[in-house]
Amino acid sequence: MSTLQTPANPFALLLDPQAVLARVEHSQRLERLHRRVCRPLDKPVLPGQAGVAREFDRGIEEAGDEPDDTDAQ
């Protein structure tokens, strides 16, 4: 078991970040957590698809913020 004492004031941990990192590295509870790798949601544009994306973006920009007639109801 760890002999390190946790301060009563959690903000006191900001004064000694190395102690916090040492506790995290040796934590058995954190070691038991399930891990997974998360991938970013934005995918890079494929080289052949760059023109299609540019045309789509241009169409959106040209449309601007004009009100749509279907929203008036």
PDB file of N, CA and C in Angstrom:
ATOM      1  N   MET A   1       0.837  -1.188   0.000  1.00  0.00           N
ATOM      2  CA  MET A   1       0.000   0.000   0.000  1.00  0.00           C
ATOM      3  C   MET A   1       0.879   1.247   0.000  1.00  0.00           C
ATOM      4  N   SER A   2       0.329   2.318  -0.471  1.00  0.00           N
ATOM      5  CA  SER A   2       1.050   3.581  -0.544  1.00  0.00           C
ATOM      6  C   SER A   2       1.029   4.278   0.811  1.00  0.00           C
ATOM      7  N   THR A   3       2.174   4.867   1.179  1.00  0.00           N
ATOM      8  CA  THR A   3       2.246   5.583   2.443  1.00  0.00           C
ATOM      9  C   THR A   3       2.058   7.078   2.259  1.00  0.00           C
ATOM     10  N   LEU A   4       1.842   7.528   1.010  1.00  0.00           N
ATOM     11  CA  LEU A   4       1.647   8.948   0.755  1.00  0.00           C
ATOM     12  C   LEU A   4       0.289   9.385   1.277  1.00  0.00           C
ATOM     13  N   GLN A   5       0.266  10.528   1.935  1.00  0.00           N
ATOM     14  CA  GLN A   5      -0.969  11.072   2.468  1.00  0.00           C
ATOM     15  C   GLN A   5      -1.578  12.037   1.454  1.00  0.00           C
ATOM     16  N   THR A   6      -2.876  11.956   1.255  1.00  0.00           N
ATOM     17  CA  THR A   6      -3.579  12.877   0.378  1.00  0.00           C
ATOM     18  C   THR A   6      -3.943  14.121   1.186  1.00  0.00           C
ATOM     19  N   PRO A   7      -3.567  15.300   0.699  1.00  0.00           N
ATOM     20  CA  PRO A   7      -3.902  16.526   1.436  1.00  0.00           C
ATOM     21  C   PRO A   7      -5.415  16.717   1.524  1.00  0.00           C
ATOM     22  N   ALA A   8      -5.850  17.365   2.599  1.00  0.00           N
ATOM     23  CA  ALA A   8      -7.278  17.625   2.775  1.00  0.00           C
ATOM     24  C   ALA A   8      -7.776  18.614   1.726  1.00  0.00           C
ATOM     25  N   ASN A   9      -6.912  19.526   1.295  1.00  0.00           N
ATOM     26  CA  ASN A   9      -7.279  20.518   0.296  1.00  0.00           C
ATOM     27  C   ASN A   9      -6.775  20.045  -1.074  1.00  0.00           C
ATOM     28  N   PRO A  10      -7.658  19.726  -2.002  1.00  0.00           N
ATOM     29  CA  PRO A  10      -7.205  19.227  -3.305  1.00  0.00           C
ATOM     30  C   PRO A  10      -6.362  20.238  -4.073  1.00  0.00           C
ATOM     31  N   PHE A  11      -6.533  21.537  -3.783  1.00  0.00           N
ATOM     32  CA  PHE A  11      -5.734  22.546  -4.468  1.00  0.00           C
ATOM     33  C   PHE A  11      -4.278  22.508  -4.027  1.00  0.00           C
ATOM     34  N   ALA A  12      -4.009  21.896  -2.889  1.00  0.00           N
ATOM     35  CA  ALA A  12      -2.631  21.749  -2.426  1.00  0.00           C
ATOM     36  C   ALA A  12      -1.844  20.821  -3.353  1.00  0.00           C
ATOM     37  N   LEU A  13      -2.541  19.958  -4.076  1.00  0.00           N
ATOM     38  CA  LEU A  13      -1.872  19.068  -5.025  1.00  0.00           C
ATOM     39  C   LEU A  13      -1.226  19.842  -6.168  1.00  0.00           C
ATOM     40  N   LEU A  14      -1.725  21.046  -6.442  1.00  0.00           N
ATOM     41  CA  LEU A  14      -1.147  21.866  -7.500  1.00  0.00           C
ATOM     42  C   LEU A  14       0.265  22.312  -7.155  1.00  0.00           C
ATOM     43  N   LEU A  15       0.599  22.313  -5.876  1.00  0.00           N
ATOM     44  CA  LEU A  15       1.927  22.750  -5.456  1.00  0.00           C
ATOM     45  C   LEU A  15       2.988  21.681  -5.688  1.00  0.00           C
ATOM     46  N   ASP A  16       2.575  20.427  -5.816  1.00  0.00           N
ATOM     47  CA  ASP A  16       3.535  19.339  -5.996  1.00  0.00           C
ATOM     48  C   ASP A  16       3.056  18.391  -7.098  1.00  0.00           C
ATOM     49  N   PRO A  17       3.144  18.828  -8.377  1.00  0.00           N
ATOM     50  CA  PRO A  17       2.640  17.983  -9.458  1.00  0.00           C
ATOM     51  C   PRO A  17       3.431  16.684  -9.626  1.00  0.00           C
ATOM     52  N   GLN A  18       4.696  16.678  -9.240  1.00  0.00           N
ATOM     53  CA  GLN A  18       5.488  15.446  -9.357  1.00  0.00           C
ATOM     54  C   GLN A  18       4.945  14.353  -8.433  1.00  0.00           C
ATOM     55  N   ALA A  19       4.475  14.747  -7.252  1.00  0.00           N
ATOM     56  CA  ALA A  19       3.895  13.773  -6.332  1.00  0.00           C
ATOM     57  C   ALA A  19       2.604  13.203  -6.909  1.00  0.00           C
ATOM     58  N   VAL A  20       1.833  14.052  -7.575  1.00  0.00           N
ATOM     59  CA  VAL A  20       0.590  13.589  -8.201  1.00  0.00           C
ATOM     60  C   VAL A  20       0.913  12.581  -9.298  1.00  0.00           C
ATOM     61  N   LEU A  21       1.882  12.895 -10.152  1.00  0.00           N
ATOM     62  CA  LEU A  21       2.257  11.972 -11.230  1.00  0.00           C
ATOM     63  C   LEU A  21       2.784  10.652 -10.675  1.00  0.00           C
ATOM     64  N   ALA A  22       3.532  10.705  -9.591  1.00  0.00           N
ATOM     65  CA  ALA A  22       4.046   9.475  -8.976  1.00  0.00           C
ATOM     66  C   ALA A  22       2.901   8.618  -8.454  1.00  0.00           C
ATOM     67  N   ARG A  23       1.898   9.254  -7.851  1.00  0.00           N
ATOM     68  CA  ARG A  23       0.747   8.493  -7.352  1.00  0.00           C
ATOM     69  C   ARG A  23      -0.046   7.864  -8.492  1.00  0.00           C
ATOM     70  N   VAL A  24      -0.186   8.598  -9.597  1.00  0.00           N
ATOM     71  CA  VAL A  24      -0.928   8.084 -10.750  1.00  0.00           C
ATOM     72  C   VAL A  24      -0.194   6.890 -11.354  1.00  0.00           C
ATOM     73  N   GLU A  25       1.124   6.993 -11.466  1.00  0.00           N
ATOM     74  CA  GLU A  25       1.906   5.908 -12.062  1.00  0.00           C
ATOM     75  C   GLU A  25       1.839   4.634 -11.237  1.00  0.00           C
ATOM     76  N   HIS A  26       1.689   4.742  -9.928  1.00  0.00           N
ATOM     77  CA  HIS A  26       1.695   3.568  -9.061  1.00  0.00           C
ATOM     78  C   HIS A  26       0.309   3.179  -8.562  1.00  0.00           C
ATOM     79  N   SER A  27      -0.733   3.729  -9.149  1.00  0.00           N
ATOM     80  CA  SER A  27      -2.096   3.449  -8.710  1.00  0.00           C
ATOM     81  C   SER A  27      -2.575   2.114  -9.273  1.00  0.00           C
ATOM     82  N   GLN A  28      -2.948   1.217  -8.390  1.00  0.00           N
ATOM     83  CA  GLN A  28      -3.478  -0.078  -8.822  1.00  0.00           C
ATOM     84  C   GLN A  28      -4.890   0.073  -9.397  1.00  0.00           C
ATOM     85  N   ARG A  29      -5.667   0.992  -8.861  1.00  0.00           N
ATOM     86  CA  ARG A  29      -7.023   1.205  -9.368  1.00  0.00           C
ATOM     87  C   ARG A  29      -6.993   1.718 -10.803  1.00  0.00           C
ATOM     88  N   LEU A  30      -6.081   2.649 -11.104  1.00  0.00           N
ATOM     89  CA  LEU A  30      -5.975   3.147 -12.472  1.00  0.00           C
ATOM     90  C   LEU A  30      -5.451   2.071 -13.414  1.00  0.00           C
ATOM     91  N   GLU A  31      -4.602   1.213 -12.918  1.00  0.00           N
ATOM     92  CA  GLU A  31      -4.035   0.136 -13.745  1.00  0.00           C
ATOM     93  C   GLU A  31      -5.125  -0.858 -14.173  1.00  0.00           C
ATOM     94  N   ARG A  32      -6.153  -1.017 -13.362  1.00  0.00           N
ATOM     95  CA  ARG A  32      -7.229  -1.972 -13.688  1.00  0.00           C
ATOM     96  C   ARG A  32      -8.258  -1.423 -14.664  1.00  0.00           C
ATOM     97  N   LEU A  33      -8.208  -0.120 -14.952  1.00  0.00           N
ATOM     98  CA  LEU A  33      -9.179   0.462 -15.880  1.00  0.00           C
ATOM     99  C   LEU A  33      -9.002  -0.104 -17.284  1.00  0.00           C
ATOM    100  N   HIS A  34     -10.109  -0.260 -17.980  1.00  0.00           N
ATOM    101  CA  HIS A  34     -10.059  -0.689 -19.371  1.00  0.00           C
ATOM    102  C   HIS A  34      -9.601   0.479 -20.221  1.00  0.00           C
ATOM    103  N   ARG A  35      -8.757   0.185 -21.187  1.00  0.00           N
ATOM    104  CA  ARG A  35      -8.226   1.244 -22.050  1.00  0.00           C
ATOM    105  C   ARG A  35      -8.637   0.990 -23.484  1.00  0.00           C
ATOM    106  N   ARG A  36      -8.788   2.062 -24.214  1.00  0.00           N
ATOM    107  CA  ARG A  36      -9.049   1.953 -25.641  1.00  0.00           C
ATOM    108  C   ARG A  36      -8.462   3.176 -26.334  1.00  0.00           C
ATOM    109  N   VAL A  37      -8.153   3.029 -27.591  1.00  0.00           N
ATOM    110  CA  VAL A  37      -7.590   4.119 -28.371  1.00  0.00           C
ATOM    111  C   VAL A  37      -8.734   4.796 -29.105  1.00  0.00           C
ATOM    112  N   CYS A  38      -8.881   6.101 -28.912  1.00  0.00           N
ATOM    113  CA  CYS A  38      -9.922   6.862 -29.597  1.00  0.00           C
ATOM    114  C   CYS A  38      -9.309   7.547 -30.806  1.00  0.00           C
ATOM    115  N   ARG A  39      -9.995   7.484 -31.901  1.00  0.00           N
ATOM    116  CA  ARG A  39      -9.530   8.117 -33.132  1.00  0.00           C
ATOM    117  C   ARG A  39     -10.280   9.423 -33.339  1.00  0.00           C
ATOM    118  N   PRO A  40      -9.643  10.396 -33.981  1.00  0.00           N
ATOM    119  CA  PRO A  40     -10.349  11.657 -34.247  1.00  0.00           C
ATOM    120  C   PRO A  40     -11.526  11.447 -35.188  1.00  0.00           C
ATOM    121  N   LEU A  41     -12.552  12.248 -35.015  1.00  0.00           N
ATOM    122  CA  LEU A  41     -13.742  12.129 -35.852  1.00  0.00           C
ATOM    123  C   LEU A  41     -13.512  12.685 -37.246  1.00  0.00           C
ATOM    124  N   ASP A  42     -12.669  13.702 -37.355  1.00  0.00           N
ATOM    125  CA  ASP A  42     -12.389  14.286 -38.663  1.00  0.00           C
ATOM    126  C   ASP A  42     -11.368  13.427 -39.389  1.00  0.00           C
ATOM    127  N   LYS A  43     -11.735  12.978 -40.566  1.00  0.00           N
ATOM    128  CA  LYS A  43     -10.826  12.163 -41.362  1.00  0.00           C
ATOM    129  C   LYS A  43     -10.192  13.041 -42.430  1.00  0.00           C
ATOM    130  N   PRO A  44      -8.932  12.781 -42.746  1.00  0.00           N
ATOM    131  CA  PRO A  44      -8.297  13.595 -43.792  1.00  0.00           C
ATOM    132  C   PRO A  44      -8.974  13.361 -45.137  1.00  0.00           C
ATOM    133  N   VAL A  45      -8.990  14.390 -45.940  1.00  0.00           N
ATOM    134  CA  VAL A  45      -9.585  14.291 -47.270  1.00  0.00           C
ATOM    135  C   VAL A  45      -8.637  13.508 -48.159  1.00  0.00           C
ATOM    136  N   LEU A  46      -9.168  12.520 -48.842  1.00  0.00           N
ATOM    137  CA  LEU A  46      -8.356  11.726 -49.756  1.00  0.00           C
ATOM    138  C   LEU A  46      -7.922  12.593 -50.932  1.00  0.00           C
ATOM    139  N   PRO A  47      -6.738  12.333 -51.497  1.00  0.00           N
ATOM    140  CA  PRO A  47      -6.248  13.175 -52.588  1.00  0.00           C
ATOM    141  C   PRO A  47      -7.221  13.308 -53.756  1.00  0.00           C
ATOM    142  N   GLY A  48      -7.926  12.261 -54.133  1.00  0.00           N
ATOM    143  CA  GLY A  48      -8.856  12.320 -55.245  1.00  0.00           C
ATOM    144  C   GLY A  48     -10.159  13.016 -54.910  1.00  0.00           C
ATOM    145  N   GLN A  49     -10.439  13.219 -53.639  1.00  0.00           N
ATOM    146  CA  GLN A  49     -11.702  13.802 -53.198  1.00  0.00           C
ATOM    147  C   GLN A  49     -11.591  15.289 -52.858  1.00  0.00           C
ATOM    148  N   ALA A  50     -10.404  15.872 -52.963  1.00  0.00           N
ATOM    149  CA  ALA A  50     -10.202  17.265 -52.556  1.00  0.00           C
ATOM    150  C   ALA A  50     -11.078  18.215 -53.371  1.00  0.00           C
ATOM    151  N   GLY A  51     -11.220  17.975 -54.675  1.00  0.00           N
ATOM    152  CA  GLY A  51     -12.035  18.849 -55.523  1.00  0.00           C
ATOM    153  C   GLY A  51     -13.504  18.797 -55.150  1.00  0.00           C
ATOM    154  N   VAL A  52     -13.997  17.611 -54.815  1.00  0.00           N
ATOM    155  CA  VAL A  52     -15.398  17.443 -54.424  1.00  0.00           C
ATOM    156  C   VAL A  52     -15.671  18.209 -53.134  1.00  0.00           C
ATOM    157  N   ALA A  53     -14.759  18.114 -52.178  1.00  0.00           N
ATOM    158  CA  ALA A  53     -14.946  18.813 -50.904  1.00  0.00           C
ATOM    159  C   ALA A  53     -14.904  20.323 -51.113  1.00  0.00           C
ATOM    160  N   ARG A  54     -14.018  20.795 -51.974  1.00  0.00           N
ATOM    161  CA  ARG A  54     -13.924  22.235 -52.234  1.00  0.00           C
ATOM    162  C   ARG A  54     -15.207  22.752 -52.869  1.00  0.00           C
ATOM    163  N   GLU A  55     -15.763  22.012 -53.816  1.00  0.00           N
ATOM    164  CA  GLU A  55     -17.015  22.414 -54.468  1.00  0.00           C
ATOM    165  C   GLU A  55     -18.165  22.448 -53.458  1.00  0.00           C
ATOM    166  N   PHE A  56     -18.221  21.456 -52.591  1.00  0.00           N
ATOM    167  CA  PHE A  56     -19.261  21.414 -51.568  1.00  0.00           C
ATOM    168  C   PHE A  56     -19.143  22.626 -50.645  1.00  0.00           C
ATOM    169  N   ASP A  57     -17.910  22.913 -50.183  1.00  0.00           N
ATOM    170  CA  ASP A  57     -17.687  24.069 -49.310  1.00  0.00           C
ATOM    171  C   ASP A  57     -18.057  25.371 -50.006  1.00  0.00           C
ATOM    172  N   ARG A  58     -17.713  25.500 -51.266  1.00  0.00           N
ATOM    173  CA  ARG A  58     -18.021  26.716 -52.017  1.00  0.00           C
ATOM    174  C   ARG A  58     -19.534  26.899 -52.116  1.00  0.00           C
ATOM    175  N   GLY A  59     -20.258  25.803 -52.365  1.00  0.00           N
ATOM    176  CA  GLY A  59     -21.721  25.881 -52.450  1.00  0.00           C
ATOM    177  C   GLY A  59     -22.346  26.317 -51.142  1.00  0.00           C
ATOM    178  N   ILE A  60     -21.816  25.827 -50.022  1.00  0.00           N
ATOM    179  CA  ILE A  60     -22.328  26.223 -48.707  1.00  0.00           C
ATOM    180  C   ILE A  60     -22.049  27.699 -48.459  1.00  0.00           C
ATOM    181  N   GLU A  61     -20.833  28.147 -48.787  1.00  0.00           N
ATOM    182  CA  GLU A  61     -20.478  29.547 -48.563  1.00  0.00           C
ATOM    183  C   GLU A  61     -21.305  30.486 -49.432  1.00  0.00           C
ATOM    184  N   GLU A  62     -21.594  30.087 -50.658  1.00  0.00           N
ATOM    185  CA  GLU A  62     -22.390  30.921 -51.553  1.00  0.00           C
ATOM    186  C   GLU A  62     -23.834  31.017 -51.076  1.00  0.00           C
ATOM    187  N   ALA A  63     -24.335  29.953 -50.455  1.00  0.00           N
ATOM    188  CA  ALA A  63     -25.712  29.958 -49.964  1.00  0.00           C
ATOM    189  C   ALA A  63     -25.866  30.977 -48.832  1.00  0.00           C
ATOM    190  N   GLY A  64     -24.824  31.145 -48.030  1.00  0.00           N
ATOM    191  CA  GLY A  64     -24.851  32.133 -46.951  1.00  0.00           C
ATOM    192  C   GLY A  64     -25.906  31.814 -45.919  1.00  0.00           C
ATOM    193  N   ASP A  65     -26.423  32.857 -45.297  1.00  0.00           N
ATOM    194  CA  ASP A  65     -27.412  32.715 -44.241  1.00  0.00           C
ATOM    195  C   ASP A  65     -28.799  33.130 -44.706  1.00  0.00           C
ATOM    196  N   GLU A  66     -29.104  32.893 -45.954  1.00  0.00           N
ATOM    197  CA  GLU A  66     -30.411  33.258 -46.475  1.00  0.00           C
ATOM    198  C   GLU A  66     -31.471  32.384 -45.824  1.00  0.00           C
ATOM    199  N   PRO A  67     -32.601  32.984 -45.403  1.00  0.00           N
ATOM    200  CA  PRO A  67     -33.658  32.185 -44.781  1.00  0.00           C
ATOM    201  C   PRO A  67     -34.277  31.225 -45.795  1.00  0.00           C
ATOM    202  N   ASP A  68     -34.614  30.073 -45.306  1.00  0.00           N
ATOM    203  CA  ASP A  68     -35.247  29.040 -46.133  1.00  0.00           C
ATOM    204  C   ASP A  68     -36.769  29.180 -46.009  1.00  0.00           C
ATOM    205  N   ASP A  69     -37.496  29.033 -47.092  1.00  0.00           N
ATOM    206  CA  ASP A  69     -38.962  29.192 -47.071  1.00  0.00           C
ATOM    207  C   ASP A  69     -39.628  28.119 -46.224  1.00  0.00           C
ATOM    208  N   THR A  70     -39.004  26.959 -46.090  1.00  0.00           N
ATOM    209  CA  THR A  70     -39.621  25.872 -45.314  1.00  0.00           C
ATOM    210  C   THR A  70     -39.580  26.140 -43.811  1.00  0.00           C
ATOM    211  N   ASP A  71     -38.702  27.043 -43.361  1.00  0.00           N
ATOM    212  CA  ASP A  71     -38.599  27.340 -41.936  1.00  0.00           C
ATOM    213  C   ASP A  71     -39.669  28.330 -41.465  1.00  0.00           C
ATOM    214  N   ALA A  72     -40.365  28.993 -42.382  1.00  0.00           N
ATOM    215  CA  ALA A  72     -41.308  30.035 -42.023  1.00  0.00           C
ATOM    216  C   ALA A  72     -42.597  29.471 -41.421  1.00  0.00           C
ATOM    217  N   GLN A  73     -42.826  28.192 -41.522  1.00  0.00           N
ATOM    218  CA  GLN A  73     -44.111  27.632 -41.063  1.00  0.00           C
ATOM    219  C   GLN A  73     -44.144  27.432 -39.608  1.00  0.00           C
TER     220      GLN A  73
END
